[in-house]
C-alpha atoms as a PDB file:
ATOM      1  CA  MET A   1      91.311 111.045  88.280  1.00  0.00           C
ATOM      2  CA  SER A   2      89.298 112.184  91.122  1.00  0.00           C
ATOM      3  CA  PHE A   3      86.188 110.234  91.905  1.00  0.00           C
ATOM      4  CA  ASP A   4      83.426 112.491  90.152  1.00  0.00           C
ATOM      5  CA  VAL A   5      85.508 112.209  86.679  1.00  0.00           C
ATOM      6  CA  LEU A   6      85.321 108.269  87.444  1.00  0.00           C
ATOM      7  CA  LYS A   7      81.662 108.565  88.233  1.00  0.00           C
ATOM      8  CA  GLU A   8      80.909 110.186  84.820  1.00  0.00           C
ATOM      9  CA  GLU A   9      82.763 108.137  83.040  1.00  0.00           C
ATOM     10  CA  VAL A  10      81.128 105.161  84.385  1.00  0.00           C
ATOM     11  CA  GLN A  11      77.442 106.576  84.149  1.00  0.00           C
ATOM     12  CA  SER A  12      77.823 107.868  80.668  1.00  0.00           C
ATOM     13  CA  LEU A  13      78.284 103.493  79.711  1.00  0.00           C
ATOM     14  CA  PRO A  14      76.082 101.406  78.993  1.00  0.00           C
ATOM     15  CA  LEU A  15      74.499  99.879  81.957  1.00  0.00           C
ATOM     16  CA  GLU A  16      75.622  96.200  81.533  1.00  0.00           C
ATOM     17  CA  LEU A  17      78.757  97.355  81.900  1.00  0.00           C
ATOM     18  CA  GLN A  18      78.262  99.448  84.883  1.00  0.00           C
ATOM     19  CA  ASN A  19      76.288  96.559  86.681  1.00  0.00           C
ATOM     20  CA  ASN A  20      79.448  94.717  85.509  1.00  0.00           C
ATOM     21  CA  ILE A  21      81.757  97.624  87.196  1.00  0.00           C
ATOM     22  CA  GLU A  22      80.132  97.544  90.396  1.00  0.00           C
ATOM     23  CA  MET A  23      79.610  93.852  91.072  1.00  0.00           C
ATOM     24  CA  TYR A  24      83.697  93.259  90.130  1.00  0.00           C
ATOM     25  CA  ALA A  25      84.326  96.492  92.994  1.00  0.00           C
ATOM     26  CA  LEU A  26      82.005  94.859  95.203  1.00  0.00           C
ATOM     27  CA  PHE A  27      83.800  91.576  94.963  1.00  0.00           C
ATOM     28  CA  VAL A  28      87.225  93.437  95.308  1.00  0.00           C
ATOM     29  CA  ILE A  29      85.798  95.407  98.902  1.00  0.00           C
ATOM     30  CA  GLU A  30      84.680  91.875  99.868  1.00  0.00           C
ATOM     31  CA  GLN A  31      88.565  90.021  98.974  1.00  0.00           C
ATOM     32  CA  PHE A  32      90.304  92.801 101.016  1.00  0.00           C
ATOM     33  CA  LYS A  33      87.870  92.679 103.980  1.00  0.00           C
ATOM     34  CA  LYS A  34      88.700  88.335 103.763  1.00  0.00           C
ATOM     35  CA  ALA A  35      91.950  89.577 103.603  1.00  0.00           C
ATOM     36  CA  SER A  36      92.179  91.784 106.439  1.00  0.00           C
ATOM     37  CA  GLN A  37      90.419  89.368 108.732  1.00  0.00           C
ATOM     38  CA  LYS A  38      92.796  86.983 107.746  1.00  0.00           C
ATOM     39  CA  ASN A  39      95.552  88.936 109.071  1.00  0.00           C
ATOM     40  CA  ALA A  40      94.241  90.094 111.748  1.00  0.00           C
ATOM     41  CA  VAL A  41      93.604  86.550 113.477  1.00  0.00           C
ATOM     42  CA  LYS A  42      97.186  86.111 112.781  1.00  0.00           C
ATOM     43  CA  GLN A  43      98.681  88.239 114.161  1.00  0.00           C
ATOM     44  CA  SER A  44      96.193  87.763 117.036  1.00  0.00           C
ATOM     45  CA  ALA A  45      97.328  83.721 117.172  1.00  0.00           C
ATOM     46  CA  SER A  46     101.346  84.751 116.603  1.00  0.00           C
ATOM     47  CA  GLU A  47     100.469  87.230 119.961  1.00  0.00           C
ATOM     48  CA  ILE A  48      99.315  84.969 122.140  1.00  0.00           C
ATOM     49  CA  VAL A  49     101.874  81.961 120.748  1.00  0.00           C
ATOM     50  CA  GLN A  50     104.358  85.084 121.623  1.00  0.00           C
ATOM     51  CA  GLY A  51     103.028  85.094 125.010  1.00  0.00           C
ATOM     52  CA  LEU A  52     103.263  81.876 126.180  1.00  0.00           C
ATOM     53  CA  THR A  53     106.869  81.203 124.989  1.00  0.00           C
ATOM     54  CA  GLY A  54     109.266  81.301 128.268  1.00  0.00           C
ATOM     55  CA  ILE A  55     106.449  80.326 131.042  1.00  0.00           C
ATOM     56  CA  ILE A  56     107.894  76.575 130.555  1.00  0.00           C
ATOM     57  CA  LYS A  57     110.615  76.241 132.413  1.00  0.00           C
ATOM     58  CA  ASP A  58     111.286  72.677 133.113  1.00  0.00           C
ATOM     59  CA  ALA A  59     111.664  69.982 130.051  1.00  0.00           C
ATOM     60  CA  GLY A  60     108.740  67.353 131.585  1.00  0.00           C
ATOM     61  CA  PRO A  61     105.374  67.345 130.771  1.00  0.00           C
ATOM     62  CA  VAL A  62     102.855  70.566 131.168  1.00  0.00           C
ATOM     63  CA  THR A  63      99.589  70.397 131.756  1.00  0.00           C
ATOM     64  CA  ILE A  64      97.141  73.260 130.801  1.00  0.00           C
ATOM     65  CA  SER A  65      96.180  73.984 134.423  1.00  0.00           C
ATOM     66  CA  ASP A  66     100.049  73.972 135.116  1.00  0.00           C
ATOM     67  CA  ILE A  67     100.210  77.099 132.583  1.00  0.00           C
ATOM     68  CA  ARG A  68      97.325  78.898 133.580  1.00  0.00           C
ATOM     69  CA  SER A  69      98.766  78.789 137.239  1.00  0.00           C
ATOM     70  CA  ALA A  70     102.107  80.162 136.059  1.00  0.00           C
ATOM     71  CA  ARG A  71     100.559  82.771 134.399  1.00  0.00           C
ATOM     72  CA  LEU A  72      98.124  83.875 137.105  1.00  0.00           C
ATOM     73  CA  LYS A  73     101.125  83.557 139.280  1.00  0.00           C
ATOM     74  CA  GLU A  74     103.042  85.831 137.117  1.00  0.00           C
ATOM     75  CA  LYS A  75     100.375  88.140 136.607  1.00  0.00           C
ATOM     76  CA  TYR A  76      98.652  88.494 140.420  1.00  0.00           C
ATOM     77  CA  GLY A  77     101.426  87.301 142.551  1.00  0.00           C
ATOM     78  CA  TYR A  78      99.711  83.901 143.280  1.00  0.00           C
END
């Protein structure tokens, strides 16, 4: 069914049903947006964790500044 045909069908319905359909469509769009944002955040977090993998060579305790120094050394050679 094309969009134009669907539009005509919806416009032939009583106003209350048209409003219900519009509300439902907006709800579905918002749910899709929220799901997309959550997936993007999860993907970014997994990329960050993956980026940290393999930095720490010792088994001892490591501080944030140790990790930062290792990253700077890896990236810039400091």
